[in-house]
Amino acid sequence: MRWVYWSKLYDSKFQAGCLVQRMEHDSWVFGLDAPREIEVFRSKKGKYGVRYMP
């Protein structure tokens, strides 16, 4: 499978990490399928993003 990239880049790693936590907790609370792997990455321009593998 391929990585799916979140559409927004964030200024700090903390903000991207908050999105990762929210994705993990939303799947648990609402009974959705959790992605197999979620990670924070840094773009070439220095911003942070989130990608996941469904």
N, C-alpha and C. Protein backbone atom coordinates (compact mmCIF):
# COMPACT_ATOMS: atom_id res chain seq x y z
N MET A 1 0.83 -1.18 0.00
CA MET A 1 0.00 0.00 0.00
C MET A 1 0.88 1.25 0.00
N ARG A 2 0.29 2.33 -0.39
CA ARG A 2 1.02 3.60 -0.47
C ARG A 2 0.62 4.54 0.66
N TRP A 3 1.49 5.49 0.90
CA TRP A 3 1.23 6.51 1.91
C TRP A 3 0.15 7.46 1.43
N VAL A 4 -0.71 7.88 2.35
CA VAL A 4 -1.71 8.91 2.09
C VAL A 4 -1.26 10.12 2.90
N TYR A 5 -1.16 11.28 2.23
CA TYR A 5 -0.66 12.49 2.88
C TYR A 5 -1.82 13.39 3.28
N TRP A 6 -1.77 13.90 4.51
CA TRP A 6 -2.75 14.86 4.99
C TRP A 6 -2.58 16.13 4.18
N SER A 7 -3.64 16.86 3.92
CA SER A 7 -3.61 17.98 2.98
C SER A 7 -2.96 19.25 3.53
N LYS A 8 -2.68 19.32 4.82
CA LYS A 8 -2.15 20.54 5.41
C LYS A 8 -0.77 20.30 6.02
N LEU A 9 0.10 21.29 5.87
CA LEU A 9 1.41 21.26 6.54
C LEU A 9 1.36 22.20 7.74
N TYR A 10 2.08 21.85 8.78
CA TYR A 10 2.07 22.60 10.03
C TYR A 10 3.44 23.22 10.29
N ASP A 11 3.45 24.31 11.07
CA ASP A 11 4.69 25.01 11.38
C ASP A 11 5.54 24.27 12.41
N SER A 12 4.91 23.52 13.29
CA SER A 12 5.67 22.84 14.34
C SER A 12 5.36 21.34 14.35
N LYS A 13 6.32 20.60 14.86
CA LYS A 13 6.16 19.15 14.98
C LYS A 13 5.08 18.83 16.01
N PHE A 14 4.93 19.70 17.01
CA PHE A 14 3.90 19.50 18.02
C PHE A 14 2.50 19.51 17.40
N GLN A 15 2.23 20.46 16.51
CA GLN A 15 0.92 20.54 15.87
C GLN A 15 0.63 19.29 15.05
N ALA A 16 1.62 18.82 14.31
CA ALA A 16 1.44 17.60 13.52
C ALA A 16 1.23 16.39 14.44
N GLY A 17 1.96 16.36 15.55
CA GLY A 17 1.80 15.27 16.51
C GLY A 17 0.42 15.25 17.14
N CYS A 18 -0.16 16.42 17.35
CA CYS A 18 -1.54 16.49 17.88
C CYS A 18 -2.53 15.87 16.90
N LEU A 19 -2.31 16.10 15.61
CA LEU A 19 -3.18 15.49 14.60
C LEU A 19 -3.04 13.97 14.61
N VAL A 20 -1.83 13.47 14.76
CA VAL A 20 -1.61 12.03 14.83
C VAL A 20 -2.37 11.44 16.00
N GLN A 21 -2.27 12.08 17.16
CA GLN A 21 -2.99 11.59 18.35
C GLN A 21 -4.50 11.61 18.12
N ARG A 22 -4.97 12.66 17.48
CA ARG A 22 -6.42 12.77 17.22
C ARG A 22 -6.88 11.66 16.28
N MET A 23 -6.09 11.38 15.25
CA MET A 23 -6.45 10.30 14.32
C MET A 23 -6.51 8.96 15.04
N GLU A 24 -5.56 8.71 15.94
CA GLU A 24 -5.55 7.44 16.67
C GLU A 24 -6.74 7.35 17.63
N HIS A 25 -7.04 8.43 18.34
CA HIS A 25 -8.12 8.41 19.31
C HIS A 25 -9.50 8.42 18.64
N ASP A 26 -9.65 9.12 17.53
CA ASP A 26 -10.93 9.12 16.84
C ASP A 26 -11.31 7.73 16.34
N SER A 27 -10.32 6.99 15.87
CA SER A 27 -10.62 5.64 15.39
C SER A 27 -11.06 4.76 16.55
N TRP A 28 -10.49 4.98 17.72
CA TRP A 28 -10.86 4.19 18.88
C TRP A 28 -12.23 4.59 19.42
N VAL A 29 -12.50 5.90 19.50
CA VAL A 29 -13.76 6.39 20.08
C VAL A 29 -14.94 6.11 19.16
N PHE A 30 -14.78 6.35 17.86
CA PHE A 30 -15.90 6.23 16.92
C PHE A 30 -15.96 4.87 16.23
N GLY A 31 -15.05 3.98 16.53
CA GLY A 31 -15.10 2.64 15.97
C GLY A 31 -14.68 2.57 14.51
N LEU A 32 -13.87 3.51 14.07
CA LEU A 32 -13.41 3.49 12.69
C LEU A 32 -12.17 2.61 12.58
N ASP A 33 -11.85 2.21 11.35
CA ASP A 33 -10.63 1.43 11.14
C ASP A 33 -9.43 2.35 11.31
N ALA A 34 -8.54 1.96 12.17
CA ALA A 34 -7.33 2.75 12.42
C ALA A 34 -6.31 2.49 11.31
N PRO A 35 -5.60 3.52 10.89
CA PRO A 35 -4.54 3.30 9.91
C PRO A 35 -3.47 2.38 10.49
N ARG A 36 -2.82 1.61 9.61
CA ARG A 36 -1.78 0.69 10.07
C ARG A 36 -0.59 1.42 10.65
N GLU A 37 -0.23 2.52 10.00
CA GLU A 37 0.92 3.29 10.46
C GLU A 37 0.67 4.77 10.20
N ILE A 38 1.01 5.60 11.18
CA ILE A 38 0.88 7.05 11.06
C ILE A 38 2.21 7.65 11.46
N GLU A 39 2.69 8.62 10.70
CA GLU A 39 3.95 9.26 11.08
C GLU A 39 3.97 10.73 10.70
N VAL A 40 4.81 11.46 11.41
CA VAL A 40 5.06 12.87 11.14
C VAL A 40 6.30 12.94 10.26
N PHE A 41 6.25 13.74 9.21
CA PHE A 41 7.41 13.90 8.34
C PHE A 41 7.72 15.39 8.18
N ARG A 42 8.92 15.69 7.76
CA ARG A 42 9.33 17.07 7.53
C ARG A 42 9.51 17.30 6.04
N SER A 43 8.89 18.34 5.53
CA SER A 43 8.98 18.65 4.10
C SER A 43 10.31 19.34 3.79
N LYS A 44 10.61 19.49 2.53
CA LYS A 44 11.85 20.15 2.11
C LYS A 44 11.89 21.62 2.52
N LYS A 45 10.73 22.22 2.69
CA LYS A 45 10.67 23.64 3.08
C LYS A 45 10.69 23.82 4.60
N GLY A 46 10.78 22.73 5.36
CA GLY A 46 10.90 22.83 6.81
C GLY A 46 9.61 22.72 7.59
N LYS A 47 8.49 22.55 6.92
CA LYS A 47 7.23 22.38 7.63
C LYS A 47 6.99 20.90 7.89
N TYR A 48 6.03 20.62 8.78
CA TYR A 48 5.75 19.25 9.18
C TYR A 48 4.40 18.82 8.65
N GLY A 49 4.31 17.56 8.28
CA GLY A 49 3.08 17.01 7.77
C GLY A 49 2.84 15.63 8.37
N VAL A 50 1.67 15.08 8.07
CA VAL A 50 1.28 13.77 8.57
C VAL A 50 0.96 12.89 7.38
N ARG A 51 1.47 11.67 7.43
CA ARG A 51 1.12 10.69 6.41
C ARG A 51 0.75 9.39 7.11
N TYR A 52 -0.11 8.62 6.46
CA TYR A 52 -0.55 7.37 7.06
C TYR A 52 -0.77 6.33 5.99
N MET A 53 -0.74 5.09 6.42
CA MET A 53 -0.96 3.96 5.54
C MET A 53 -2.27 3.29 5.97
N PRO A 54 -3.30 3.34 5.10
CA PRO A 54 -4.60 2.77 5.50
C PRO A 54 -4.58 1.27 5.66
